[in-house]
Amino acid sequence: MPSIILAPIKITGADGEIIFGDVLQVNPKSTSKANSGAGGSNTGDFSATFSLVSLTNNFDPDIADSNNAANN
């Protein structure tokens, strides 16, 4: 079904996908994992982060966090 977009559109990155209209199912084709400290992945026009100490625990006992082998 076609859709009419009347609002302004702001695209800040090209990591995901934009879908206008109807879809039956959306499956991820790839997955990733990122570790960042306090405020390390903040996005936006006016972002302010004040952190004195930041510790990130990178320990992950899982072998596979997200499987998407059947989605390709």
PDB file of N, CA and C in Angstrom:
ATOM      1  N   MET A   1       0.846  -1.164   0.000  1.00  0.00           N
ATOM      2  CA  MET A   1       0.000   0.000   0.000  1.00  0.00           C
ATOM      3  C   MET A   1       0.899   1.236   0.000  1.00  0.00           C
ATOM      4  N   PRO A   2       0.664   2.188  -0.848  1.00  0.00           N
ATOM      5  CA  PRO A   2       1.490   3.397  -0.861  1.00  0.00           C
ATOM      6  C   PRO A   2       1.207   4.269   0.358  1.00  0.00           C
ATOM      7  N   SER A   3       2.191   5.049   0.716  1.00  0.00           N
ATOM      8  CA  SER A   3       2.043   5.939   1.867  1.00  0.00           C
ATOM      9  C   SER A   3       2.461   7.349   1.481  1.00  0.00           C
ATOM     10  N   ILE A   4       1.886   8.325   2.141  1.00  0.00           N
ATOM     11  CA  ILE A   4       2.197   9.733   1.919  1.00  0.00           C
ATOM     12  C   ILE A   4       2.868  10.259   3.172  1.00  0.00           C
ATOM     13  N   ILE A   5       4.075  10.787   3.035  1.00  0.00           N
ATOM     14  CA  ILE A   5       4.832  11.321   4.160  1.00  0.00           C
ATOM     15  C   ILE A   5       4.738  12.838   4.106  1.00  0.00           C
ATOM     16  N   LEU A   6       4.125  13.445   5.105  1.00  0.00           N
ATOM     17  CA  LEU A   6       3.940  14.895   5.128  1.00  0.00           C
ATOM     18  C   LEU A   6       4.901  15.585   6.087  1.00  0.00           C
ATOM     19  N   ALA A   7       5.593  14.844   6.915  1.00  0.00           N
ATOM     20  CA  ALA A   7       6.500  15.428   7.895  1.00  0.00           C
ATOM     21  C   ALA A   7       7.915  15.455   7.333  1.00  0.00           C
ATOM     22  N   PRO A   8       8.767  16.340   7.847  1.00  0.00           N
ATOM     23  CA  PRO A   8      10.165  16.315   7.409  1.00  0.00           C
ATOM     24  C   PRO A   8      10.858  15.041   7.886  1.00  0.00           C
ATOM     25  N   ILE A   9      11.782  14.535   7.086  1.00  0.00           N
ATOM     26  CA  ILE A   9      12.506  13.303   7.390  1.00  0.00           C
ATOM     27  C   ILE A   9      13.961  13.650   7.643  1.00  0.00           C
ATOM     28  N   LYS A  10      14.516  13.160   8.750  1.00  0.00           N
ATOM     29  CA  LYS A  10      15.924  13.373   9.075  1.00  0.00           C
ATOM     30  C   LYS A  10      16.588  12.017   9.188  1.00  0.00           C
ATOM     31  N   ILE A  11      17.583  11.753   8.344  1.00  0.00           N
ATOM     32  CA  ILE A  11      18.317  10.493   8.369  1.00  0.00           C
ATOM     33  C   ILE A  11      19.683  10.772   8.964  1.00  0.00           C
ATOM     34  N   THR A  12      19.994  10.124  10.093  1.00  0.00           N
ATOM     35  CA  THR A  12      21.261  10.380  10.787  1.00  0.00           C
ATOM     36  C   THR A  12      22.298   9.307  10.541  1.00  0.00           C
ATOM     37  N   GLY A  13      21.934   8.209   9.922  1.00  0.00           N
ATOM     38  CA  GLY A  13      22.894   7.142   9.650  1.00  0.00           C
ATOM     39  C   GLY A  13      22.354   6.209   8.599  1.00  0.00           C
ATOM     40  N   ALA A  14      23.193   5.313   8.149  1.00  0.00           N
ATOM     41  CA  ALA A  14      22.778   4.366   7.122  1.00  0.00           C
ATOM     42  C   ALA A  14      22.947   2.933   7.609  1.00  0.00           C
ATOM     43  N   ASP A  15      22.735   2.689   8.886  1.00  0.00           N
ATOM     44  CA  ASP A  15      22.924   1.355   9.437  1.00  0.00           C
ATOM     45  C   ASP A  15      21.661   0.509   9.399  1.00  0.00           C
ATOM     46  N   GLY A  16      20.503   1.135   9.370  1.00  0.00           N
ATOM     47  CA  GLY A  16      19.257   0.387   9.381  1.00  0.00           C
ATOM     48  C   GLY A  16      18.544   0.496   8.058  1.00  0.00           C
ATOM     49  N   GLU A  17      17.254   0.322   8.099  1.00  0.00           N
ATOM     50  CA  GLU A  17      16.468   0.439   6.881  1.00  0.00           C
ATOM     51  C   GLU A  17      15.224   1.252   7.171  1.00  0.00           C
ATOM     52  N   ILE A  18      14.771   1.969   6.178  1.00  0.00           N
ATOM     53  CA  ILE A  18      13.571   2.784   6.282  1.00  0.00           C
ATOM     54  C   ILE A  18      12.516   2.150   5.390  1.00  0.00           C
ATOM     55  N   ILE A  19      11.342   1.911   5.947  1.00  0.00           N
ATOM     56  CA  ILE A  19      10.272   1.264   5.202  1.00  0.00           C
ATOM     57  C   ILE A  19       9.065   2.189   5.230  1.00  0.00           C
ATOM     58  N   PHE A  20       8.581   2.551   4.058  1.00  0.00           N
ATOM     59  CA  PHE A  20       7.350   3.309   3.931  1.00  0.00           C
ATOM     60  C   PHE A  20       6.299   2.383   3.328  1.00  0.00           C
ATOM     61  N   GLY A  21       5.180   2.238   3.970  1.00  0.00           N
ATOM     62  CA  GLY A  21       4.134   1.355   3.463  1.00  0.00           C
ATOM     63  C   GLY A  21       4.013   0.110   4.313  1.00  0.00           C
ATOM     64  N   ASP A  22       3.332  -0.878   3.792  1.00  0.00           N
ATOM     65  CA  ASP A  22       3.056  -2.107   4.529  1.00  0.00           C
ATOM     66  C   ASP A  22       4.107  -3.168   4.245  1.00  0.00           C
ATOM     67  N   VAL A  23       4.462  -3.906   5.279  1.00  0.00           N
ATOM     68  CA  VAL A  23       5.371  -5.044   5.135  1.00  0.00           C
ATOM     69  C   VAL A  23       4.792  -6.209   5.931  1.00  0.00           C
ATOM     70  N   LEU A  24       5.120  -7.408   5.497  1.00  0.00           N
ATOM     71  CA  LEU A  24       4.672  -8.594   6.226  1.00  0.00           C
ATOM     72  C   LEU A  24       5.632  -8.940   7.342  1.00  0.00           C
ATOM     73  N   GLN A  25       6.928  -8.943   7.044  1.00  0.00           N
ATOM     74  CA  GLN A  25       7.921  -9.331   8.035  1.00  0.00           C
ATOM     75  C   GLN A  25       9.255  -8.693   7.682  1.00  0.00           C
ATOM     76  N   VAL A  26       9.956  -8.177   8.688  1.00  0.00           N
ATOM     77  CA  VAL A  26      11.270  -7.580   8.497  1.00  0.00           C
ATOM     78  C   VAL A  26      12.265  -8.404   9.305  1.00  0.00           C
ATOM     79  N   ASN A  27      13.277  -8.960   8.640  1.00  0.00           N
ATOM     80  CA  ASN A  27      14.288  -9.787   9.294  1.00  0.00           C
ATOM     81  C   ASN A  27      15.649  -9.123   9.180  1.00  0.00           C
ATOM     82  N   PRO A  28      16.436  -9.127  10.249  1.00  0.00           N
ATOM     83  CA  PRO A  28      17.796  -8.583  10.144  1.00  0.00           C
ATOM     84  C   PRO A  28      18.692  -9.499   9.317  1.00  0.00           C
ATOM     85  N   LYS A  29      19.524  -8.927   8.476  1.00  0.00           N
ATOM     86  CA  LYS A  29      20.456  -9.706   7.664  1.00  0.00           C
ATOM     87  C   LYS A  29      21.817  -9.828   8.338  1.00  0.00           C
ATOM     88  N   SER A  30      22.107  -8.971   9.281  1.00  0.00           N
ATOM     89  CA  SER A  30      23.364  -9.065  10.026  1.00  0.00           C
ATOM     90  C   SER A  30      23.142  -8.525  11.433  1.00  0.00           C
ATOM     91  N   THR A  31      23.955  -8.994  12.354  1.00  0.00           N
ATOM     92  CA  THR A  31      23.899  -8.525  13.735  1.00  0.00           C
ATOM     93  C   THR A  31      25.306  -8.202  14.209  1.00  0.00           C
ATOM     94  N   SER A  32      25.386  -7.363  15.209  1.00  0.00           N
ATOM     95  CA  SER A  32      26.686  -7.008  15.778  1.00  0.00           C
ATOM     96  C   SER A  32      26.496  -6.650  17.246  1.00  0.00           C
ATOM     97  N   LYS A  33      27.603  -6.568  17.942  1.00  0.00           N
ATOM     98  CA  LYS A  33      27.570  -6.228  19.360  1.00  0.00           C
ATOM     99  C   LYS A  33      28.665  -5.207  19.626  1.00  0.00           C
ATOM    100  N   ALA A  34      28.339  -4.182  20.368  1.00  0.00           N
ATOM    101  CA  ALA A  34      29.307  -3.130  20.669  1.00  0.00           C
ATOM    102  C   ALA A  34      29.297  -2.858  22.169  1.00  0.00           C
ATOM    103  N   ASN A  35      30.465  -2.637  22.722  1.00  0.00           N
ATOM    104  CA  ASN A  35      30.615  -2.269  24.126  1.00  0.00           C
ATOM    105  C   ASN A  35      31.150  -0.843  24.185  1.00  0.00           C
ATOM    106  N   SER A  36      30.453  -0.001  24.923  1.00  0.00           N
ATOM    107  CA  SER A  36      30.915   1.384  25.080  1.00  0.00           C
ATOM    108  C   SER A  36      30.623   1.856  26.493  1.00  0.00           C
ATOM    109  N   GLY A  37      31.368   2.811  26.922  1.00  0.00           N
ATOM    110  CA  GLY A  37      31.237   3.328  28.281  1.00  0.00           C
ATOM    111  C   GLY A  37      30.079   4.290  28.420  1.00  0.00           C
ATOM    112  N   ALA A  38      30.080   5.037  29.495  1.00  0.00           N
ATOM    113  CA  ALA A  38      28.993   5.963  29.785  1.00  0.00           C
ATOM    114  C   ALA A  38      28.933   7.053  28.730  1.00  0.00           C
ATOM    115  N   GLY A  39      27.817   7.122  28.017  1.00  0.00           N
ATOM    116  CA  GLY A  39      27.635   8.141  26.996  1.00  0.00           C
ATOM    117  C   GLY A  39      28.400   7.886  25.722  1.00  0.00           C
ATOM    118  N   GLY A  40      28.933   6.697  25.533  1.00  0.00           N
ATOM    119  CA  GLY A  40      29.743   6.417  24.353  1.00  0.00           C
ATOM    120  C   GLY A  40      28.948   6.296  23.071  1.00  0.00           C
ATOM    121  N   SER A  41      27.672   5.983  23.164  1.00  0.00           N
ATOM    122  CA  SER A  41      26.860   5.829  21.964  1.00  0.00           C
ATOM    123  C   SER A  41      25.672   6.782  21.942  1.00  0.00           C
ATOM    124  N   ASN A  42      25.802   7.913  22.597  1.00  0.00           N
ATOM    125  CA  ASN A  42      24.734   8.909  22.552  1.00  0.00           C
ATOM    126  C   ASN A  42      24.686   9.553  21.182  1.00  0.00           C
ATOM    127  N   THR A  43      23.498   9.728  20.658  1.00  0.00           N
ATOM    128  CA  THR A  43      23.318  10.403  19.377  1.00  0.00           C
ATOM    129  C   THR A  43      22.261  11.480  19.534  1.00  0.00           C
ATOM    130  N   GLY A  44      22.307  12.445  18.667  1.00  0.00           N
ATOM    131  CA  GLY A  44      21.319  13.512  18.701  1.00  0.00           C
ATOM    132  C   GLY A  44      21.953  14.837  18.355  1.00  0.00           C
ATOM    133  N   ASP A  45      21.121  15.841  18.241  1.00  0.00           N
ATOM    134  CA  ASP A  45      21.603  17.170  17.888  1.00  0.00           C
ATOM    135  C   ASP A  45      22.318  17.843  19.059  1.00  0.00           C
ATOM    136  N   PHE A  46      21.737  17.754  20.239  1.00  0.00           N
ATOM    137  CA  PHE A  46      22.286  18.429  21.415  1.00  0.00           C
ATOM    138  C   PHE A  46      22.490  17.395  22.523  1.00  0.00           C
ATOM    139  N   SER A  47      23.641  16.758  22.509  1.00  0.00           N
ATOM    140  CA  SER A  47      23.930  15.703  23.467  1.00  0.00           C
ATOM    141  C   SER A  47      25.016  16.167  24.425  1.00  0.00           C
ATOM    142  N   ALA A  48      24.756  16.015  25.712  1.00  0.00           N
ATOM    143  CA  ALA A  48      25.740  16.377  26.733  1.00  0.00           C
ATOM    144  C   ALA A  48      25.834  15.225  27.727  1.00  0.00           C
ATOM    145  N   THR A  49      27.052  14.759  27.982  1.00  0.00           N
ATOM    146  CA  THR A  49      27.282  13.655  28.899  1.00  0.00           C
ATOM    147  C   THR A  49      28.328  14.078  29.914  1.00  0.00           C
ATOM    148  N   PHE A  50      28.012  13.915  31.176  1.00  0.00           N
ATOM    149  CA  PHE A  50      28.930  14.252  32.251  1.00  0.00           C
ATOM    150  C   PHE A  50      29.137  13.003  33.101  1.00  0.00           C
ATOM    151  N   SER A  51      30.271  12.340  32.917  1.00  0.00           N
ATOM    152  CA  SER A  51      30.557  11.138  33.688  1.00  0.00           C
ATOM    153  C   SER A  51      31.974  11.252  34.246  1.00  0.00           C
ATOM    154  N   LEU A  52      32.101  10.956  35.515  1.00  0.00           N
ATOM    155  CA  LEU A  52      33.403  11.051  36.169  1.00  0.00           C
ATOM    156  C   LEU A  52      34.194   9.758  35.965  1.00  0.00           C
ATOM    157  N   VAL A  53      33.568   8.615  36.210  1.00  0.00           N
ATOM    158  CA  VAL A  53      34.223   7.323  36.063  1.00  0.00           C
ATOM    159  C   VAL A  53      33.319   6.421  35.226  1.00  0.00           C
ATOM    160  N   SER A  54      33.906   5.732  34.250  1.00  0.00           N
ATOM    161  CA  SER A  54      33.137   4.845  33.395  1.00  0.00           C
ATOM    162  C   SER A  54      33.868   3.515  33.267  1.00  0.00           C
ATOM    163  N   LEU A  55      33.212   2.439  33.654  1.00  0.00           N
ATOM    164  CA  LEU A  55      33.762   1.092  33.539  1.00  0.00           C
ATOM    165  C   LEU A  55      32.803   0.249  32.703  1.00  0.00           C
ATOM    166  N   THR A  56      33.333  -0.523  31.763  1.00  0.00           N
ATOM    167  CA  THR A  56      32.512  -1.369  30.900  1.00  0.00           C
ATOM    168  C   THR A  56      32.936  -2.818  31.078  1.00  0.00           C
ATOM    169  N   ASN A  57      31.968  -3.678  31.374  1.00  0.00           N
ATOM    170  CA  ASN A  57      32.230  -5.094  31.544  1.00  0.00           C
ATOM    171  C   ASN A  57      32.078  -5.778  30.180  1.00  0.00           C
ATOM    172  N   ASN A  58      33.173  -6.297  29.623  1.00  0.00           N
ATOM    173  CA  ASN A  58      33.149  -6.956  28.329  1.00  0.00           C
ATOM    174  C   ASN A  58      33.019  -8.470  28.426  1.00  0.00           C
ATOM    175  N   PHE A  59      32.860  -9.020  29.603  1.00  0.00           N
ATOM    176  CA  PHE A  59      32.769 -10.471  29.770  1.00  0.00           C
ATOM    177  C   PHE A  59      31.431 -10.977  29.241  1.00  0.00           C
ATOM    178  N   ASP A  60      31.473 -11.962  28.343  1.00  0.00           N
ATOM    179  CA  ASP A  60      30.265 -12.529  27.760  1.00  0.00           C
ATOM    180  C   ASP A  60      30.431 -14.042  27.666  1.00  0.00           C
ATOM    181  N   PRO A  61      29.794 -14.816  28.543  1.00  0.00           N
ATOM    182  CA  PRO A  61      29.989 -16.266  28.528  1.00  0.00           C
ATOM    183  C   PRO A  61      29.243 -16.971  27.391  1.00  0.00           C
ATOM    184  N   ASP A  62      28.323 -16.284  26.708  1.00  0.00           N
ATOM    185  CA  ASP A  62      27.584 -16.923  25.615  1.00  0.00           C
ATOM    186  C   ASP A  62      28.492 -17.118  24.404  1.00  0.00           C
ATOM    187  N   ILE A  63      28.260 -18.192  23.684  1.00  0.00           N
ATOM    188  CA  ILE A  63      29.009 -18.438  22.447  1.00  0.00           C
ATOM    189  C   ILE A  63      28.373 -17.661  21.302  1.00  0.00           C
ATOM    190  N   ALA A  64      27.050 -17.694  21.226  1.00  0.00           N
ATOM    191  CA  ALA A  64      26.335 -16.992  20.164  1.00  0.00           C
ATOM    192  C   ALA A  64      25.220 -16.166  20.793  1.00  0.00           C
ATOM    193  N   ASP A  65      25.278 -14.861  20.636  1.00  0.00           N
ATOM    194  CA  ASP A  65      24.245 -13.994  21.225  1.00  0.00           C
ATOM    195  C   ASP A  65      22.997 -13.902  20.349  1.00  0.00           C
ATOM    196  N   SER A  66      23.177 -13.719  19.066  1.00  0.00           N
ATOM    197  CA  SER A  66      22.033 -13.614  18.159  1.00  0.00           C
ATOM    198  C   SER A  66      22.346 -14.353  16.863  1.00  0.00           C
ATOM    199  N   ASN A  67      21.524 -15.342  16.578  1.00  0.00           N
ATOM    200  CA  ASN A  67      21.730 -16.149  15.383  1.00  0.00           C
ATOM    201  C   ASN A  67      20.773 -15.685  14.289  1.00  0.00           C
ATOM    202  N   ASN A  68      21.293 -15.445  13.101  1.00  0.00           N
ATOM    203  CA  ASN A  68      20.442 -15.039  11.987  1.00  0.00           C
ATOM    204  C   ASN A  68      20.851 -15.779  10.713  1.00  0.00           C
ATOM    205  N   ALA A  69      21.301 -17.006  10.826  1.00  0.00           N
ATOM    206  CA  ALA A  69      21.757 -17.767   9.666  1.00  0.00           C
ATOM    207  C   ALA A  69      20.619 -18.090   8.710  1.00  0.00           C
ATOM    208  N   ALA A  70      19.397 -18.226   9.206  1.00  0.00           N
ATOM    209  CA  ALA A  70      18.264 -18.565   8.349  1.00  0.00           C
ATOM    210  C   ALA A  70      17.632 -17.341   7.691  1.00  0.00           C
ATOM    211  N   ASN A  71      18.099 -16.136   7.997  1.00  0.00           N
ATOM    212  CA  ASN A  71      17.478 -14.920   7.478  1.00  0.00           C
ATOM    213  C   ASN A  71      18.051 -14.484   6.136  1.00  0.00           C
ATOM    214  N   ASN A  72      19.078 -15.128   5.636  1.00  0.00           N
ATOM    215  CA  ASN A  72      19.684 -14.677   4.379  1.00  0.00           C
ATOM    216  C   ASN A  72      19.003 -15.260   3.173  1.00  0.00           C
TER     217      ASN A  72
END
